[in-house]
Amino acid sequence: MTTGLKAMAKIKYCISSSYGNDSIALIQLAYEMGLENVTIAYCDTGWAAHDWPERVERAEKWAKSLGFSTHRIVPNVQFEELMQFKKGFPSQRYQWCSALLKIVPFLDWLDEVDKDLETTILLGVRRAESQERRDTPEQIEKSERHGGRDVWFPLATFTDDQRNDLLARAGFDVLPHRSMECAPCVNANRNDLRLLKEIDIAKVEELERAVGKTMFRPKRHAGATGIREVIQWARAERGQYDARQSSLFNCDSGMCGS
């Protein structure tokens, strides 16, 4: 389902946004380019960091001040429900969560408001982000992955410094991390995990109990099993975490009280 869906003028440009660094920079660039009839769409997966909604509200208010429209999309099934239905978590190799919680709901919504496929989708992907994105084109005509719509990557050739200049002009500081629309993400690295607050760690712990499986693979985290141990791994210096330490400091070792 979607929130706030109502009859509206045809959308000429739609920015799919997470409201992270690149998303904010893209909105600022669209404004500086003088684009009109722009709608920014945000997918609410239900798994954002506890304070991320404040960021979304601030960014939406700012985007509206530029003359753009904003829209929130809520999937029929959100993150926690989906994990329990699947009886497990996605992996870095099989990231089905993104498709089911963001891509499909976004395209379903566009199919409702853009039946004639006249909307151009803008995405904030940059070649400088990673090796995987180094060949990102500047434009794709009639993209099959996007329902036959044109897709535009205005930031494709932008460096980090150029992106940061756009953020400064928008009045936003550069975040030291990726978007927290899903927190934690299955792709979370050591630095991302170190930034997790107790409230977000606790929600993972609760969901792991409900699902009966851990969110992060022990093999990728030096044997750490469960979110609490994964956080210990993240906070340790590289090569310094020992999974055995989690059982050394409790009374369930079998070496006490007998």
Protein backbone atom coordinates (compact mmCIF):
# COMPACT_ATOMS: atom_id res chain seq x y z
CA MET A 1 0.00 0.00 0.00
CA THR A 2 1.03 3.64 -0.25
CA THR A 3 0.40 6.60 1.99
CA GLY A 4 -1.02 9.87 0.82
CA LEU A 5 -1.88 8.53 -2.62
CA LYS A 6 -4.32 10.85 -4.36
CA ALA A 7 -5.10 12.24 -7.75
CA MET A 8 -2.22 14.39 -8.90
CA ALA A 9 -0.79 16.00 -11.99
CA LYS A 10 1.41 13.79 -14.08
CA ILE A 11 4.87 13.45 -12.59
CA LYS A 12 7.58 14.48 -15.03
CA TYR A 13 10.51 13.53 -12.81
CA CYS A 14 10.52 11.15 -9.85
CA ILE A 15 13.50 10.93 -7.52
CA SER A 16 13.72 7.65 -5.63
CA SER A 17 15.26 8.84 -2.38
CA SER A 18 16.59 7.38 0.86
CA TYR A 19 17.49 10.91 2.09
CA GLY A 20 21.12 9.90 2.56
CA ASN A 21 24.02 11.99 1.23
CA ASP A 22 23.60 11.22 -2.47
CA SER A 23 19.82 11.55 -2.33
CA ILE A 24 20.02 15.03 -0.80
CA ALA A 25 22.68 16.03 -3.33
CA LEU A 26 20.47 14.81 -6.18
CA ILE A 27 17.51 16.85 -4.95
CA GLN A 28 19.71 19.94 -4.73
CA LEU A 29 21.05 19.32 -8.24
CA ALA A 30 17.53 18.91 -9.63
CA TYR A 31 16.66 22.28 -8.09
CA GLU A 32 19.76 23.97 -9.50
CA MET A 33 18.98 22.52 -12.94
CA GLY A 34 15.55 24.10 -12.79
CA LEU A 35 13.63 20.84 -13.11
CA GLU A 36 9.88 21.22 -12.63
CA ASN A 37 7.11 18.82 -11.67
CA VAL A 38 9.45 16.77 -9.50
CA THR A 39 8.25 14.27 -6.89
CA ILE A 40 10.57 12.67 -4.34
CA ALA A 41 9.46 9.19 -3.28
CA TYR A 42 10.68 7.50 -0.08
CA CYS A 43 9.99 3.85 0.77
CA ASP A 44 9.33 3.28 4.47
CA THR A 45 10.52 -0.28 5.15
CA GLY A 46 9.72 -0.11 8.85
CA TRP A 47 13.35 -0.86 9.70
CA ALA A 48 14.89 2.61 9.85
CA ALA A 49 17.16 3.69 12.70
CA HIS A 50 15.08 5.09 15.53
CA ASP A 51 16.08 8.68 14.74
CA TRP A 52 15.99 8.43 10.92
CA PRO A 53 12.33 9.52 10.63
CA GLU A 54 13.42 12.94 11.94
CA ARG A 55 15.89 13.15 9.06
CA VAL A 56 13.16 12.19 6.59
CA GLU A 57 10.78 14.83 7.93
CA ARG A 58 13.45 17.53 7.77
CA ALA A 59 14.41 16.56 4.22
CA GLU A 60 10.80 16.43 3.05
CA LYS A 61 10.12 19.89 4.49
CA TRP A 62 13.23 21.21 2.73
CA ALA A 63 12.30 19.55 -0.59
CA LYS A 64 8.84 21.11 -0.45
CA SER A 65 10.44 24.52 0.15
CA LEU A 66 12.19 24.05 -3.21
CA GLY A 67 8.84 23.58 -4.91
CA PHE A 68 8.99 19.78 -5.14
CA SER A 69 6.39 17.25 -4.01
CA THR A 70 7.16 14.40 -1.63
CA HIS A 71 5.55 11.00 -1.23
CA ARG A 72 6.01 8.07 1.16
CA ILE A 73 5.47 4.50 0.08
CA VAL A 74 4.70 1.84 2.68
CA PRO A 75 5.05 -1.79 1.49
CA ASN A 76 2.20 -4.18 2.23
CA VAL A 77 4.63 -6.18 4.39
CA GLN A 78 7.39 -4.43 6.30
CA PHE A 79 10.82 -5.68 7.30
CA GLU A 80 10.05 -7.54 10.52
CA GLU A 81 6.95 -9.23 9.13
CA LEU A 82 8.84 -10.24 6.00
CA MET A 83 11.70 -11.81 7.98
CA GLN A 84 9.26 -13.86 10.05
CA PHE A 85 7.36 -14.93 6.95
CA LYS A 86 10.62 -15.97 5.24
CA LYS A 87 11.86 -17.55 8.48
CA GLY A 88 15.27 -16.05 7.92
CA PHE A 89 17.25 -13.01 6.90
CA PRO A 90 18.60 -11.98 3.50
CA SER A 91 22.32 -12.28 2.84
CA GLN A 92 24.83 -10.08 1.07
CA ARG A 93 24.58 -12.47 -1.87
CA TYR A 94 20.78 -12.78 -1.91
CA GLN A 95 19.40 -9.35 -1.03
CA TRP A 96 15.73 -10.05 -1.66
CA CYS A 97 14.76 -7.51 0.99
CA SER A 98 15.55 -4.57 -1.29
CA ALA A 99 13.39 -5.94 -4.08
CA LEU A 100 10.39 -6.75 -1.89
CA LEU A 101 10.51 -3.73 0.40
CA LYS A 102 11.64 -0.99 -1.97
CA ILE A 103 11.87 -1.76 -5.68
CA VAL A 104 8.54 -3.55 -6.18
CA PRO A 105 6.49 -1.15 -3.99
CA PHE A 106 8.10 1.83 -5.78
CA LEU A 107 7.28 0.46 -9.23
CA ASP A 108 3.77 -0.57 -8.16
CA TRP A 109 3.14 2.99 -7.00
CA LEU A 110 4.53 4.43 -10.23
CA ASP A 111 2.29 2.13 -12.22
CA GLU A 112 -0.67 3.72 -10.44
CA VAL A 113 0.32 7.34 -11.01
CA ASP A 114 2.20 6.96 -14.33
CA LYS A 115 0.21 4.54 -16.44
CA ASP A 116 1.52 6.15 -19.65
CA LEU A 117 5.18 5.67 -18.67
CA GLU A 118 5.90 9.38 -19.08
CA THR A 119 7.80 9.82 -15.81
CA THR A 120 11.60 9.89 -15.87
CA ILE A 121 13.14 8.24 -12.80
CA LEU A 122 16.16 9.97 -11.24
CA LEU A 123 18.57 7.91 -9.13
CA GLY A 124 21.47 9.21 -7.04
CA VAL A 125 24.03 6.60 -8.10
CA ARG A 126 27.65 7.70 -8.60
CA ARG A 127 30.49 5.85 -10.29
CA ALA A 128 32.85 6.97 -7.52
CA GLU A 129 30.84 5.03 -4.91
CA SER A 130 32.28 1.61 -5.63
CA GLN A 131 33.80 -0.73 -8.20
CA GLU A 132 30.35 -2.22 -8.78
CA ARG A 133 29.01 1.17 -9.86
CA ARG A 134 31.97 2.40 -11.89
CA ASP A 135 30.18 1.69 -15.18
CA THR A 136 26.92 3.41 -14.27
CA PRO A 137 25.53 5.08 -17.41
CA GLU A 138 24.25 8.63 -17.32
CA GLN A 139 20.93 7.59 -18.82
CA ILE A 140 18.94 4.50 -19.77
CA GLU A 141 16.06 4.79 -22.21
CA LYS A 142 12.99 2.63 -21.58
CA SER A 143 14.61 0.59 -18.83
CA GLU A 144 13.00 -2.84 -18.53
CA ARG A 145 13.92 -2.95 -14.84
CA HIS A 146 11.87 0.20 -14.30
CA GLY A 147 8.71 -0.71 -16.16
CA GLY A 148 9.83 0.73 -19.50
CA ARG A 149 10.51 4.22 -18.13
CA ASP A 150 13.53 6.37 -18.84
CA VAL A 151 16.09 6.42 -16.02
CA TRP A 152 18.54 9.26 -15.44
CA PHE A 153 21.65 9.26 -13.21
CA PRO A 154 22.53 12.99 -12.94
CA LEU A 155 25.26 12.35 -10.33
CA ALA A 156 26.95 9.52 -12.24
CA THR A 157 30.19 11.44 -12.91
CA PHE A 158 30.27 13.42 -9.65
CA THR A 159 33.19 13.02 -7.26
CA ASP A 160 32.79 12.98 -3.48
CA ASP A 161 33.88 16.64 -3.33
CA GLN A 162 31.34 17.69 -5.96
CA ARG A 163 28.64 15.79 -4.11
CA ASN A 164 29.67 17.41 -0.84
CA ASP A 165 29.48 20.88 -2.43
CA LEU A 166 25.86 20.18 -3.33
CA LEU A 167 25.17 19.10 0.25
CA ALA A 168 26.70 22.31 1.57
CA ARG A 169 24.52 24.41 -0.72
CA ALA A 170 21.50 22.42 0.44
CA GLY A 171 22.35 23.16 4.07
CA PHE A 172 23.03 19.55 5.05
CA ASP A 173 26.17 18.18 6.68
CA VAL A 174 27.88 15.17 5.13
CA LEU A 175 26.78 12.08 7.02
CA PRO A 176 29.66 9.79 8.08
CA HIS A 177 27.60 6.77 7.07
CA ARG A 178 25.17 5.56 4.44
CA SER A 179 21.43 6.12 4.68
CA MET A 180 19.89 4.67 7.85
CA GLU A 181 16.58 3.87 6.14
CA CYS A 182 17.33 0.24 7.04
CA ALA A 183 19.30 -0.07 10.25
CA PRO A 184 21.06 -2.29 10.41
CA CYS A 185 21.29 -3.31 6.78
CA VAL A 186 22.52 -6.82 5.93
CA ASN A 187 25.38 -5.02 4.16
CA ALA A 188 26.36 -3.09 7.29
CA ASN A 189 30.12 -2.83 7.70
CA ARG A 190 32.11 -2.48 10.91
CA ASN A 191 31.66 1.30 11.05
CA ASP A 192 27.92 1.07 10.39
CA LEU A 193 27.51 -1.42 13.23
CA ARG A 194 29.52 0.74 15.61
CA LEU A 195 26.99 3.54 15.09
CA LEU A 196 23.99 1.46 16.17
CA LYS A 197 22.23 2.69 19.28
CA GLU A 198 20.98 0.31 21.96
CA ILE A 199 17.38 0.71 20.80
CA ASP A 200 18.31 -0.56 17.32
CA ILE A 201 20.48 -3.37 18.69
CA ALA A 202 17.60 -4.48 20.90
CA LYS A 203 15.14 -4.59 17.99
CA VAL A 204 17.50 -6.89 16.06
CA GLU A 205 17.93 -9.12 19.11
CA GLU A 206 14.14 -9.39 19.50
CA LEU A 207 13.65 -10.20 15.81
CA GLU A 208 16.43 -12.82 15.89
CA ARG A 209 14.57 -14.55 18.70
CA ALA A 210 11.28 -14.39 16.79
CA VAL A 211 12.83 -15.72 13.57
CA GLY A 212 15.07 -18.27 15.26
CA LYS A 213 18.09 -17.26 13.19
CA THR A 214 20.79 -14.61 13.33
CA MET A 215 20.78 -11.60 11.02
CA PHE A 216 24.53 -11.66 10.36
CA ARG A 217 26.50 -14.72 9.26
CA PRO A 218 29.10 -15.83 11.84
CA LYS A 219 31.54 -16.73 9.04
CA ARG A 220 31.69 -13.10 7.97
CA HIS A 221 32.15 -11.80 11.51
CA ALA A 222 34.92 -13.98 12.99
CA GLY A 223 32.45 -16.43 14.46
CA ALA A 224 30.28 -13.84 16.21
CA THR A 225 26.79 -15.30 16.66
CA GLY A 226 23.83 -13.00 17.23
CA ILE A 227 23.67 -9.22 17.17
CA ARG A 228 25.26 -8.73 20.59
CA GLU A 229 28.38 -10.66 19.61
CA VAL A 230 28.44 -8.98 16.18
CA ILE A 231 28.49 -5.60 17.93
CA GLN A 232 31.44 -6.82 20.04
CA TRP A 233 33.18 -7.84 16.82
CA ALA A 234 32.51 -4.42 15.29
CA ARG A 235 33.85 -2.55 18.29
CA ALA A 236 37.03 -4.61 18.46
CA GLU A 237 40.03 -3.66 16.36
CA ARG A 238 40.55 -5.72 13.23
CA GLY A 239 41.87 -9.18 14.05
CA GLN A 240 41.34 -8.69 17.78
CA TYR A 241 37.90 -10.27 18.23
CA ASP A 242 37.77 -13.79 19.64
CA ALA A 243 34.30 -15.41 19.59
CA ARG A 244 35.28 -17.44 22.68
CA GLN A 245 35.39 -14.29 24.79
CA SER A 246 31.59 -14.12 24.82
CA SER A 247 31.42 -17.29 26.87
CA LEU A 248 34.44 -16.62 29.06
CA PHE A 249 32.73 -14.02 31.19
CA ASN A 250 29.52 -15.77 32.25
CA CYS A 251 28.60 -18.52 34.67
CA ASP A 252 27.28 -20.87 31.99
CA SER A 253 30.75 -22.09 31.08
CA GLY A 254 30.35 -25.23 33.25
CA MET A 255 33.41 -24.31 35.26
CA CYS A 256 31.61 -22.60 38.14
CA GLY A 257 29.18 -23.73 40.80
CA SER A 258 29.78 -27.47 40.52
